[in-house]
Amino acid sequence: MLRDGFTQEELDAARAGWLQGRTVTRSQDQQLAGRMANDLFLERTLKWDADLERRVAALTAAQVNAALRKYVSLDKVSIFKAGDFARSAQ
């Protein structure tokens, strides 16, 4: 993804799923109440959510790829393996 970036089609599919998930969450009373309580704690309103969704809907693949390359660096990624490796060798 760092080398080739995301295509507009990939971004459109991911964004549609994300937006649909947020819509479904708002249609469930328990989830909506939880979101509103969290927003109250963070001093946000549902308008803040609507503005976020509008900004995400307006993103282009070029903007997403530029942010990805700015904030994600393989030099700063750590990979850890844990487990019983002696057992897996058997």
Foldseek 3Di string as FASTA:
>chain_A
DLVPFDAQVRLVVVLVVVVVVVVVLCVDPVSVVVVQVVCVVVVHDVVVVVVVNVVSVPDGSVNVNVVCNVPDDPVPDDDDDDDDVVVVVD
